[in-house]
Amino acid sequence: MEEILDFLDLLMRNNNREWFWEHKSEYDAIQQKFNVFTEELIKAVGAFDASIANLKVKDCTYRIYKDLRFSKDKIPYKTHMGAYLCPHGKKSGFAGYYFHLEPAEAEYIGRNLLAAGLYNPTPAFLREARKRIAENGGEFIEALEKSPHLTLEENAKLSRVPNGYPQNHPMAEYLKLKDYSITMTLPPELLFGNRLVQNVAEYFREAMPFNHYLNSIGEELLFY
């Protein structure tokens, strides 16, 4: 991963088309390395989560080229790389497992991380998730606590409990959430270790009950 991060750091400092095309062969090489890693990760996660087993690399990875059509920021290339392993592929709307790399001074997320769950879900999903959590909060907490190394993200929250629920509801803080995701910063000893795939897969194994809880809601809403 060090070689990938080194290239992303250079790209961050030279984010223009001329530099990128002069270094296109280097980009192709690090993209291939990331693809191989992703393929190995799909295999490792698919060994315990059958909903992931048949994914292809293209179902999980993203283009380096930014969509500039509706953006005020005209910098042409992303300076991060990620792989999102979820049922039916990255655009399906299902919860999954996310691996993220970005250079030290980048500001997209601000760290290398593992994540699970669902980021930026649809309003329909949020309504149903909140309803289920309000009715049976223990089920949500049980799924959450099975992944002790990943922490619930609470940056995106409403200031008040959503309409229809009492402000003093015992699950109030969970009902305020606008994302249902858990994360863990990747320490250097894991990121640059020789058992990266196996170690990442073990953290994702912990997160499987949380994903399955969320995806049981998605299946009811026919997100596939």
Protein backbone atom coordinates (compact mmCIF):
# COMPACT_ATOMS: atom_id res chain seq x y z
CA MET A 1 0.00 0.00 0.00
CA GLU A 2 2.98 2.33 0.49
CA GLU A 3 3.56 2.60 -3.25
CA ILE A 4 -0.10 3.44 -3.84
CA LEU A 5 -0.09 6.12 -1.15
CA ASP A 6 3.15 7.60 -2.52
CA PHE A 7 1.56 7.99 -5.95
CA LEU A 8 -1.62 9.51 -4.50
CA ASP A 9 0.53 11.98 -2.57
CA LEU A 10 2.30 13.04 -5.76
CA LEU A 11 -1.03 13.32 -7.55
CA MET A 12 -2.39 15.49 -4.74
CA ARG A 13 0.53 17.90 -5.27
CA ASN A 14 0.32 17.81 -9.07
CA ASN A 15 -3.38 17.48 -9.74
CA ASN A 16 -3.52 18.48 -13.39
CA ARG A 17 -3.98 16.62 -16.66
CA GLU A 18 -0.48 17.27 -17.97
CA TRP A 19 1.22 15.70 -14.96
CA PHE A 20 -1.21 12.81 -14.83
CA TRP A 21 -0.71 11.82 -18.46
CA GLU A 22 3.05 12.05 -18.08
CA HIS A 23 2.74 9.57 -15.22
CA LYS A 24 -0.09 7.46 -16.62
CA SER A 25 1.99 4.28 -16.65
CA GLU A 26 2.69 4.72 -12.92
CA TYR A 27 -1.01 5.20 -12.27
CA ASP A 28 -1.85 2.06 -14.27
CA ALA A 29 0.64 0.08 -12.16
CA ILE A 30 -0.75 1.21 -8.81
CA GLN A 31 -4.33 0.73 -10.02
CA GLN A 32 -3.46 -2.84 -10.93
CA LYS A 33 -1.97 -3.38 -7.47
CA PHE A 34 -5.14 -2.05 -5.88
CA ASN A 35 -7.27 -4.25 -8.13
CA VAL A 36 -5.30 -7.33 -7.08
CA PHE A 37 -5.77 -6.37 -3.43
CA THR A 38 -9.51 -5.88 -3.99
CA GLU A 39 -9.83 -9.24 -5.70
CA GLU A 40 -8.10 -10.94 -2.76
CA LEU A 41 -10.31 -9.06 -0.30
CA ILE A 42 -13.49 -10.13 -2.13
CA LYS A 43 -12.33 -13.73 -1.88
CA ALA A 44 -11.48 -13.42 1.83
CA VAL A 45 -14.75 -11.70 2.78
CA GLY A 46 -16.79 -13.90 0.48
CA ALA A 47 -15.53 -16.93 2.40
CA PHE A 48 -17.74 -15.92 5.35
CA ASP A 49 -20.30 -13.60 3.71
CA ALA A 50 -21.89 -15.27 0.71
CA SER A 51 -23.54 -12.01 -0.40
CA ILE A 52 -20.06 -10.76 -1.40
CA ALA A 53 -18.63 -13.92 -2.96
CA ASN A 54 -19.64 -13.33 -6.60
CA LEU A 55 -18.55 -9.70 -6.88
CA LYS A 56 -15.99 -8.58 -9.45
CA VAL A 57 -13.36 -5.90 -8.91
CA LYS A 58 -15.27 -3.48 -11.15
CA ASP A 59 -18.32 -3.87 -8.88
CA CYS A 60 -16.34 -2.50 -5.93
CA THR A 61 -13.83 0.08 -7.17
CA TYR A 62 -14.10 3.64 -8.46
CA ARG A 63 -12.69 5.74 -11.27
CA ILE A 64 -9.84 8.14 -10.48
CA TYR A 65 -11.44 10.76 -12.73
CA LYS A 66 -13.73 13.24 -10.99
CA ASP A 67 -17.13 14.17 -12.39
CA LEU A 68 -16.72 17.91 -12.88
CA ARG A 69 -20.07 18.65 -14.53
CA PHE A 70 -21.75 20.03 -11.43
CA SER A 71 -18.71 20.83 -9.30
CA LYS A 72 -17.17 24.21 -8.56
CA ASP A 73 -13.91 22.38 -7.76
CA LYS A 74 -12.34 21.70 -11.16
CA ILE A 75 -9.39 19.65 -9.90
CA PRO A 76 -9.60 16.71 -12.31
CA TYR A 77 -8.54 13.66 -10.27
CA LYS A 78 -9.47 12.05 -6.99
CA THR A 79 -6.60 11.71 -4.54
CA HIS A 80 -8.00 8.68 -2.74
CA MET A 81 -8.78 5.07 -3.62
CA GLY A 82 -11.43 2.85 -2.15
CA ALA A 83 -13.11 -0.51 -2.50
CA TYR A 84 -16.73 -1.01 -1.41
CA LEU A 85 -17.84 -4.62 -1.13
CA CYS A 86 -21.62 -4.88 -0.86
CA PRO A 87 -24.38 -7.12 -2.24
CA HIS A 88 -25.07 -6.45 -5.94
CA GLY A 89 -22.22 -3.93 -6.25
CA LYS A 90 -21.34 -0.44 -5.12
CA LYS A 91 -24.38 1.29 -6.64
CA SER A 92 -26.97 -1.07 -5.16
CA GLY A 93 -27.85 0.91 -2.04
CA PHE A 94 -26.96 -1.95 0.29
CA ALA A 95 -24.70 -1.83 3.34
CA GLY A 96 -21.22 -3.21 2.84
CA TYR A 97 -17.54 -3.19 3.70
CA TYR A 98 -15.33 -0.25 2.69
CA PHE A 99 -11.52 0.04 2.51
CA HIS A 100 -10.14 3.56 1.99
CA LEU A 101 -6.70 5.02 1.24
CA GLU A 102 -5.64 8.65 0.99
CA PRO A 103 -2.31 10.49 1.48
CA ALA A 104 -1.47 12.12 4.79
CA GLU A 105 -2.38 15.70 3.85
CA ALA A 106 -5.51 14.91 1.85
CA GLU A 107 -8.81 16.19 3.17
CA TYR A 108 -11.42 13.91 1.61
CA ILE A 109 -11.91 11.83 4.75
CA GLY A 110 -8.64 12.69 6.48
CA ARG A 111 -7.41 9.18 7.24
CA ASN A 112 -6.99 5.66 5.96
CA LEU A 113 -9.88 3.62 7.24
CA LEU A 114 -12.11 0.60 7.29
CA ALA A 115 -15.83 1.12 7.38
CA ALA A 116 -19.00 -0.92 7.34
CA GLY A 117 -22.67 -0.09 7.14
CA LEU A 118 -24.45 2.41 4.95
CA TYR A 119 -23.35 5.94 4.09
CA ASN A 120 -25.85 8.51 2.78
CA PRO A 121 -28.87 6.16 2.64
CA THR A 122 -32.11 7.05 0.93
CA PRO A 123 -34.91 8.79 2.84
CA ALA A 124 -36.99 5.62 2.54
CA PHE A 125 -34.26 3.58 4.19
CA LEU A 126 -33.84 6.13 6.99
CA ARG A 127 -37.55 6.09 7.73
CA GLU A 128 -37.65 2.31 7.95
CA ALA A 129 -34.39 2.05 9.92
CA ARG A 130 -35.58 4.59 12.49
CA LYS A 131 -38.92 2.80 12.82
CA ARG A 132 -37.21 -0.51 13.49
CA ILE A 133 -34.68 0.99 15.93
CA ALA A 134 -37.46 2.77 17.81
CA GLU A 135 -39.49 -0.42 18.11
CA ASN A 136 -36.60 -2.76 18.96
CA GLY A 137 -33.46 -0.84 19.85
CA GLY A 138 -31.87 -3.88 21.45
CA GLU A 139 -31.60 -5.59 18.07
CA PHE A 140 -29.64 -2.61 16.65
CA ILE A 141 -27.34 -2.36 19.68
CA GLU A 142 -26.66 -6.10 19.62
CA ALA A 143 -25.56 -5.92 15.98
CA LEU A 144 -23.44 -2.85 16.72
CA GLU A 145 -21.68 -4.39 19.71
CA LYS A 146 -20.58 -7.43 17.71
CA SER A 147 -18.03 -5.19 15.98
CA PRO A 148 -16.00 -3.83 18.93
CA HIS A 149 -13.09 -2.50 16.86
CA LEU A 150 -15.23 -0.25 14.63
CA THR A 151 -16.92 2.81 16.12
CA LEU A 152 -20.30 4.24 15.20
CA GLU A 153 -19.90 7.47 13.20
CA GLU A 154 -22.00 10.26 14.69
CA ASN A 155 -20.82 13.29 12.69
CA ALA A 156 -23.94 13.38 10.51
CA LYS A 157 -26.84 13.80 12.93
CA LEU A 158 -30.03 15.75 13.21
CA SER A 159 -30.13 18.32 16.00
CA ARG A 160 -33.45 16.93 17.21
CA VAL A 161 -35.21 13.59 17.21
CA PRO A 162 -37.14 13.16 13.91
CA ASN A 163 -40.82 14.02 13.81
CA GLY A 164 -43.04 11.24 15.04
CA TYR A 165 -40.80 10.18 17.94
CA PRO A 166 -40.68 11.63 21.45
CA GLN A 167 -37.63 13.75 22.20
CA ASN A 168 -36.92 11.60 25.27
CA HIS A 169 -37.07 8.29 23.36
CA PRO A 170 -34.49 5.88 24.86
CA MET A 171 -32.95 5.42 21.38
CA ALA A 172 -33.03 9.15 20.62
CA GLU A 173 -29.35 9.50 19.69
CA TYR A 174 -29.57 6.63 17.20
CA LEU A 175 -32.77 8.01 15.68
CA LYS A 176 -30.97 11.29 14.94
CA LEU A 177 -28.36 9.60 12.76
CA LYS A 178 -28.35 10.38 9.03
CA ASP A 179 -25.81 7.62 8.26
CA TYR A 180 -25.53 4.17 9.77
CA SER A 181 -21.83 3.43 9.47
CA ILE A 182 -19.04 2.20 11.72
CA THR A 183 -15.37 3.01 11.10
CA MET A 184 -11.84 2.27 12.22
CA THR A 185 -8.65 4.16 11.39
CA LEU A 186 -6.08 1.90 9.78
CA PRO A 187 -2.90 1.92 11.90
CA PRO A 188 0.42 1.81 9.99
CA GLU A 189 1.34 -1.59 11.40
CA LEU A 190 -1.82 -3.05 9.85
CA LEU A 191 -1.76 -1.03 6.63
CA PHE A 192 1.86 -1.89 5.82
CA GLY A 193 1.90 -5.35 7.33
CA ASN A 194 2.23 -8.55 5.34
CA ARG A 195 -1.19 -9.89 6.40
CA LEU A 196 -3.27 -6.90 5.34
CA VAL A 197 -5.97 -8.83 3.49
CA GLN A 198 -6.41 -11.39 6.26
CA ASN A 199 -6.49 -8.77 9.02
CA VAL A 200 -8.92 -6.49 7.17
CA ALA A 201 -11.16 -9.47 6.49
CA GLU A 202 -11.24 -10.34 10.20
CA TYR A 203 -12.40 -6.82 11.10
CA PHE A 204 -15.03 -7.08 8.39
CA ARG A 205 -16.13 -10.44 9.78
CA GLU A 206 -16.92 -8.65 13.04
CA ALA A 207 -18.96 -6.09 11.09
CA MET A 208 -21.04 -8.68 9.22
CA PRO A 209 -23.94 -8.74 11.73
CA PHE A 210 -24.21 -4.94 11.52
CA ASN A 211 -24.34 -5.07 7.72
CA HIS A 212 -26.84 -7.90 7.72
CA TYR A 213 -29.07 -6.01 10.15
CA LEU A 214 -29.09 -2.98 7.83
CA ASN A 215 -29.51 -5.10 4.71
CA SER A 216 -32.53 -6.87 6.15
CA ILE A 217 -34.14 -3.41 6.08
CA GLY A 218 -32.95 -2.80 2.53
CA GLU A 219 -34.33 -6.10 1.33
CA GLU A 220 -37.75 -5.19 2.65
CA LEU A 221 -37.60 -1.97 0.64
CA LEU A 222 -36.56 -3.83 -2.54
CA PHE A 223 -33.33 -1.87 -2.99
CA TYR A 224 -31.86 -4.52 -5.27
